[in-house]
Amino acid sequence: MVAMLWWNFVGRTDEEIRQAREGWMASDRFGEVKGYDGGSLAAPEVPATPLKARGRVR
């Protein structure tokens, strides 16, 4: 199975990446960062085109 990376998220599909971003922005999926005094970082918008995994070339 191929995984893809976008910003700080890893997923197997475009939908998983989009769901991870939604969870990050809603602050309901990921834990709190201890010891950081600033506000939470906003994830950039996911591109309008579907994300595709890049094949591994050897």
N, C-alpha and C. Protein backbone atom coordinates (compact mmCIF):
# COMPACT_ATOMS: atom_id res chain seq x y z
N MET A 1 0.84 -1.17 0.00
CA MET A 1 0.00 0.00 0.00
C MET A 1 0.89 1.24 0.00
N VAL A 2 0.50 2.22 -0.76
CA VAL A 2 1.28 3.45 -0.91
C VAL A 2 0.70 4.52 0.01
N ALA A 3 1.55 5.22 0.70
CA ALA A 3 1.12 6.34 1.54
C ALA A 3 1.54 7.64 0.87
N MET A 4 0.77 8.68 1.14
CA MET A 4 1.13 9.99 0.62
C MET A 4 1.24 10.96 1.78
N LEU A 5 2.05 11.99 1.58
CA LEU A 5 2.29 13.00 2.59
C LEU A 5 1.87 14.34 2.02
N TRP A 6 1.13 15.09 2.82
CA TRP A 6 0.79 16.46 2.46
C TRP A 6 0.80 17.27 3.74
N TRP A 7 1.55 18.34 3.75
CA TRP A 7 1.80 19.19 4.91
C TRP A 7 2.28 18.29 6.04
N ASN A 8 1.55 18.15 7.14
CA ASN A 8 1.95 17.27 8.25
C ASN A 8 1.11 16.01 8.31
N PHE A 9 0.40 15.69 7.26
CA PHE A 9 -0.53 14.57 7.28
C PHE A 9 -0.05 13.45 6.37
N VAL A 10 -0.29 12.21 6.80
CA VAL A 10 0.02 11.03 6.00
C VAL A 10 -1.26 10.25 5.83
N GLY A 11 -1.55 9.82 4.62
CA GLY A 11 -2.75 9.02 4.36
C GLY A 11 -2.56 8.14 3.15
N ARG A 12 -3.48 7.22 2.96
CA ARG A 12 -3.43 6.33 1.80
C ARG A 12 -4.20 6.89 0.62
N THR A 13 -5.15 7.80 0.91
CA THR A 13 -5.99 8.35 -0.16
C THR A 13 -6.13 9.86 0.01
N ASP A 14 -6.59 10.49 -1.03
CA ASP A 14 -6.89 11.91 -1.00
C ASP A 14 -7.90 12.21 0.11
N GLU A 15 -8.91 11.37 0.24
CA GLU A 15 -9.95 11.57 1.25
C GLU A 15 -9.38 11.50 2.66
N GLU A 16 -8.47 10.60 2.92
CA GLU A 16 -7.86 10.51 4.25
C GLU A 16 -7.09 11.79 4.59
N ILE A 17 -6.38 12.33 3.62
CA ILE A 17 -5.64 13.58 3.84
C ILE A 17 -6.62 14.71 4.14
N ARG A 18 -7.71 14.80 3.39
CA ARG A 18 -8.71 15.85 3.60
C ARG A 18 -9.38 15.71 4.97
N GLN A 19 -9.66 14.48 5.38
CA GLN A 19 -10.25 14.25 6.69
C GLN A 19 -9.28 14.64 7.81
N ALA A 20 -8.00 14.35 7.61
CA ALA A 20 -7.00 14.72 8.60
C ALA A 20 -6.93 16.24 8.75
N ARG A 21 -6.98 16.96 7.64
CA ARG A 21 -6.98 18.43 7.72
C ARG A 21 -8.21 18.94 8.45
N GLU A 22 -9.36 18.38 8.13
CA GLU A 22 -10.59 18.80 8.82
C GLU A 22 -10.49 18.55 10.32
N GLY A 23 -9.97 17.40 10.71
CA GLY A 23 -9.80 17.09 12.12
C GLY A 23 -8.82 18.03 12.80
N TRP A 24 -7.75 18.39 12.08
CA TRP A 24 -6.77 19.33 12.62
C TRP A 24 -7.41 20.69 12.84
N MET A 25 -8.13 21.18 11.85
CA MET A 25 -8.73 22.51 11.94
C MET A 25 -9.83 22.56 13.01
N ALA A 26 -10.53 21.46 13.23
CA ALA A 26 -11.58 21.41 14.24
C ALA A 26 -11.02 21.14 15.63
N SER A 27 -9.74 20.84 15.71
CA SER A 27 -9.06 20.52 16.98
C SER A 27 -9.71 19.37 17.74
N ASP A 28 -10.25 18.40 16.99
CA ASP A 28 -10.90 17.27 17.66
C ASP A 28 -10.24 15.93 17.38
N ARG A 29 -9.22 15.92 16.55
CA ARG A 29 -8.61 14.64 16.18
C ARG A 29 -7.20 14.46 16.72
N PHE A 30 -6.51 15.54 16.95
CA PHE A 30 -5.12 15.47 17.36
C PHE A 30 -4.96 16.03 18.77
N GLY A 31 -3.96 15.57 19.46
CA GLY A 31 -3.72 16.01 20.84
C GLY A 31 -3.14 17.41 20.92
N GLU A 32 -3.03 17.87 22.14
CA GLU A 32 -2.48 19.19 22.44
C GLU A 32 -0.96 19.12 22.46
N VAL A 33 -0.32 20.18 21.98
CA VAL A 33 1.14 20.27 22.04
C VAL A 33 1.49 20.94 23.36
N LYS A 34 2.13 20.21 24.24
CA LYS A 34 2.51 20.72 25.56
C LYS A 34 3.73 21.61 25.45
N GLY A 35 3.75 22.70 26.20
CA GLY A 35 4.91 23.57 26.25
C GLY A 35 4.99 24.60 25.14
N TYR A 36 3.97 24.69 24.30
CA TYR A 36 3.96 25.69 23.23
C TYR A 36 2.96 26.76 23.61
N ASP A 37 3.43 28.02 23.73
CA ASP A 37 2.58 29.10 24.20
C ASP A 37 1.75 29.76 23.12
N GLY A 38 2.07 29.55 21.86
CA GLY A 38 1.34 30.20 20.77
C GLY A 38 0.04 29.48 20.44
N GLY A 39 -0.72 30.11 19.57
CA GLY A 39 -1.97 29.51 19.10
C GLY A 39 -1.70 28.37 18.14
N SER A 40 -2.73 27.62 17.83
CA SER A 40 -2.55 26.49 16.91
C SER A 40 -2.31 27.00 15.49
N LEU A 41 -1.53 26.25 14.76
CA LEU A 41 -1.24 26.60 13.37
C LEU A 41 -2.37 26.12 12.47
N ALA A 42 -2.76 26.95 11.55
CA ALA A 42 -3.78 26.55 10.58
C ALA A 42 -3.11 25.78 9.44
N ALA A 43 -3.70 24.66 9.08
CA ALA A 43 -3.19 23.89 7.95
C ALA A 43 -3.57 24.61 6.66
N PRO A 44 -2.67 24.65 5.69
CA PRO A 44 -3.03 25.28 4.42
C PRO A 44 -4.15 24.49 3.73
N GLU A 45 -4.85 25.15 2.85
CA GLU A 45 -5.92 24.49 2.09
C GLU A 45 -5.34 23.36 1.25
N VAL A 46 -6.08 22.29 1.14
CA VAL A 46 -5.68 21.18 0.26
C VAL A 46 -5.96 21.63 -1.17
N PRO A 47 -5.07 21.36 -2.10
CA PRO A 47 -5.31 21.76 -3.49
C PRO A 47 -6.64 21.22 -4.01
N ALA A 48 -7.24 21.95 -4.93
CA ALA A 48 -8.54 21.56 -5.50
C ALA A 48 -8.45 20.26 -6.30
N THR A 49 -7.31 20.02 -6.91
CA THR A 49 -7.14 18.78 -7.66
C THR A 49 -6.89 17.63 -6.70
N PRO A 50 -7.38 16.43 -7.00
CA PRO A 50 -7.17 15.28 -6.10
C PRO A 50 -5.67 14.98 -5.93
N LEU A 51 -5.28 14.69 -4.72
CA LEU A 51 -3.90 14.31 -4.44
C LEU A 51 -3.66 12.90 -4.92
N LYS A 52 -2.49 12.65 -5.45
CA LYS A 52 -2.13 11.32 -5.92
C LYS A 52 -0.78 10.95 -5.32
N ALA A 53 -0.65 9.71 -4.95
CA ALA A 53 0.63 9.22 -4.45
C ALA A 53 1.61 9.17 -5.61
N ARG A 54 2.84 9.57 -5.33
CA ARG A 54 3.90 9.45 -6.34
C ARG A 54 4.52 8.09 -6.20
N GLY A 55 4.69 7.41 -7.28
CA GLY A 55 5.27 6.08 -7.25
C GLY A 55 6.71 6.10 -6.81
N ARG A 56 7.13 5.01 -6.26
CA ARG A 56 8.51 4.88 -5.82
C ARG A 56 9.33 4.37 -7.00
N VAL A 57 10.34 5.14 -7.36
CA VAL A 57 11.18 4.77 -8.49
C VAL A 57 12.52 4.27 -7.96
N ARG A 58 12.94 3.15 -8.45
CA ARG A 58 14.24 2.59 -8.05
C ARG A 58 15.16 2.56 -9.22
